[in-house]
C-alpha atoms as a PDB file:
ATOM      1  CA  MET A   1      27.103  62.401 -20.363  1.00  0.00           C
ATOM      2  CA  HIS A   2      30.084  60.051 -20.090  1.00  0.00           C
ATOM      3  CA  LYS A   3      30.244  56.774 -21.959  1.00  0.00           C
ATOM      4  CA  TYR A   4      31.938  53.717 -20.532  1.00  0.00           C
ATOM      5  CA  PHE A   5      33.411  50.781 -22.417  1.00  0.00           C
ATOM      6  CA  LEU A   6      32.981  47.616 -20.350  1.00  0.00           C
ATOM      7  CA  GLU A   7      34.805  44.348 -20.796  1.00  0.00           C
ATOM      8  CA  PHE A   8      34.197  41.453 -18.421  1.00  0.00           C
ATOM      9  CA  VAL A   9      33.632  37.727 -18.080  1.00  0.00           C
ATOM     10  CA  LEU A  10      30.290  36.340 -16.935  1.00  0.00           C
ATOM     11  CA  SER A  11      29.994  32.759 -15.645  1.00  0.00           C
ATOM     12  CA  MET A  12      26.456  31.501 -16.216  1.00  0.00           C
ATOM     13  CA  HIS A  13      24.931  28.174 -15.232  1.00  0.00           C
ATOM     14  CA  SER A  14      21.374  27.918 -16.502  1.00  0.00           C
ATOM     15  CA  PHE A  15      20.774  30.693 -19.021  1.00  0.00           C
ATOM     16  CA  SER A  16      21.344  30.959 -22.742  1.00  0.00           C
ATOM     17  CA  GLU A  17      23.530  33.441 -24.581  1.00  0.00           C
ATOM     18  CA  GLU A  18      20.420  34.682 -26.412  1.00  0.00           C
ATOM     19  CA  THR A  19      18.600  35.433 -23.135  1.00  0.00           C
ATOM     20  CA  LEU A  20      21.618  37.385 -21.913  1.00  0.00           C
ATOM     21  CA  LYS A  21      21.869  39.323 -25.174  1.00  0.00           C
ATOM     22  CA  ASN A  22      18.174  40.253 -25.098  1.00  0.00           C
ATOM     23  CA  SER A  23      18.538  41.506 -21.516  1.00  0.00           C
ATOM     24  CA  LEU A  24      21.556  43.742 -22.246  1.00  0.00           C
ATOM     25  CA  ILE A  25      20.908  45.110 -25.747  1.00  0.00           C
ATOM     26  CA  GLU A  26      18.647  47.955 -24.581  1.00  0.00           C
ATOM     27  CA  PHE A  27      21.216  49.324 -22.095  1.00  0.00           C
ATOM     28  CA  GLY A  28      24.150  49.949 -24.411  1.00  0.00           C
ATOM     29  CA  GLU A  29      25.746  49.916 -27.832  1.00  0.00           C
ATOM     30  CA  GLY A  30      28.169  47.628 -29.618  1.00  0.00           C
ATOM     31  CA  LEU A  31      27.268  44.550 -27.579  1.00  0.00           C
ATOM     32  CA  GLU A  32      29.541  41.595 -28.301  1.00  0.00           C
ATOM     33  CA  ILE A  33      29.342  38.254 -26.505  1.00  0.00           C
ATOM     34  CA  PHE A  34      32.051  35.638 -26.990  1.00  0.00           C
ATOM     35  CA  PRO A  35      31.779  32.121 -25.528  1.00  0.00           C
ATOM     36  CA  LEU A  36      34.977  31.044 -23.753  1.00  0.00           C
ATOM     37  CA  PRO A  37      36.278  27.468 -23.674  1.00  0.00           C
ATOM     38  CA  GLN A  38      35.243  25.438 -20.635  1.00  0.00           C
ATOM     39  CA  ASP A  39      37.783  23.953 -18.271  1.00  0.00           C
ATOM     40  CA  ALA A  40      37.503  20.893 -16.031  1.00  0.00           C
ATOM     41  CA  GLU A  41      36.598  22.807 -12.847  1.00  0.00           C
ATOM     42  CA  ASN A  42      34.068  25.134 -14.467  1.00  0.00           C
ATOM     43  CA  LYS A  43      30.610  23.550 -14.622  1.00  0.00           C
ATOM     44  CA  GLY A  44      28.850  26.518 -16.261  1.00  0.00           C
ATOM     45  CA  LYS A  45      29.506  28.595 -19.341  1.00  0.00           C
ATOM     46  CA  ASP A  46      31.790  31.608 -19.429  1.00  0.00           C
ATOM     47  CA  PHE A  47      31.218  34.498 -21.814  1.00  0.00           C
ATOM     48  CA  LYS A  48      33.447  37.502 -22.493  1.00  0.00           C
ATOM     49  CA  ILE A  49      31.246  40.579 -22.925  1.00  0.00           C
ATOM     50  CA  HIS A  50      32.030  43.958 -24.497  1.00  0.00           C
ATOM     51  CA  ILE A  51      29.518  46.827 -24.389  1.00  0.00           C
ATOM     52  CA  SER A  52      29.492  50.640 -24.366  1.00  0.00           C
ATOM     53  CA  THR A  53      27.010  52.254 -21.997  1.00  0.00           C
ATOM     54  CA  GLU A  54      26.208  55.425 -20.081  1.00  0.00           C
ATOM     55  CA  ASP A  55      25.377  53.438 -16.919  1.00  0.00           C
ATOM     56  CA  PRO A  56      27.704  50.534 -16.033  1.00  0.00           C
ATOM     57  CA  THR A  57      25.713  49.797 -12.879  1.00  0.00           C
ATOM     58  CA  ILE A  58      22.630  48.645 -14.797  1.00  0.00           C
ATOM     59  CA  ILE A  59      24.773  46.339 -16.946  1.00  0.00           C
ATOM     60  CA  PHE A  60      26.431  44.766 -13.916  1.00  0.00           C
ATOM     61  CA  ASP A  61      23.146  44.484 -11.993  1.00  0.00           C
ATOM     62  CA  THR A  62      21.511  42.766 -14.972  1.00  0.00           C
ATOM     63  CA  CYS A  63      24.420  40.366 -15.450  1.00  0.00           C
ATOM     64  CA  ALA A  64      24.487  39.518 -11.732  1.00  0.00           C
ATOM     65  CA  GLN A  65      21.024  37.966 -12.208  1.00  0.00           C
ATOM     66  CA  PHE A  66      22.558  35.470 -14.665  1.00  0.00           C
ATOM     67  CA  GLY A  67      25.722  34.482 -12.850  1.00  0.00           C
ATOM     68  CA  ARG A  68      29.051  35.665 -11.489  1.00  0.00           C
ATOM     69  CA  LEU A  69      31.066  38.567 -12.898  1.00  0.00           C
ATOM     70  CA  LYS A  70      34.849  38.450 -13.064  1.00  0.00           C
ATOM     71  CA  SER A  71      37.793  40.105 -14.837  1.00  0.00           C
ATOM     72  CA  ILE A  72      36.010  43.462 -15.034  1.00  0.00           C
ATOM     73  CA  LYS A  73      37.587  46.325 -17.004  1.00  0.00           C
ATOM     74  CA  ILE A  74      35.961  49.765 -17.292  1.00  0.00           C
ATOM     75  CA  GLU A  75      37.259  52.459 -19.614  1.00  0.00           C
ATOM     76  CA  GLU A  76      35.738  55.949 -19.391  1.00  0.00           C
ATOM     77  CA  LYS A  77      35.205  57.791 -22.698  1.00  0.00           C
ATOM     78  CA  HIS A  78      34.498  61.517 -22.814  1.00  0.00           C
END
């Protein structure tokens, strides 16, 4: 089965980093979550997320429950 390395930004408004981590940890390996600095027009919190997974769709579907995805990069590993 193929592995995918995902890198993306998630804008969240009312959830914690810990809640996000607990929701994603079972779907991949090497999960890293980095808080990004806030700017004046951004009312929520942005996090840069790195994770390796066999099913990117479940990662994106899970994250969509927390906020808005942006700057998505997917690298396929054989």
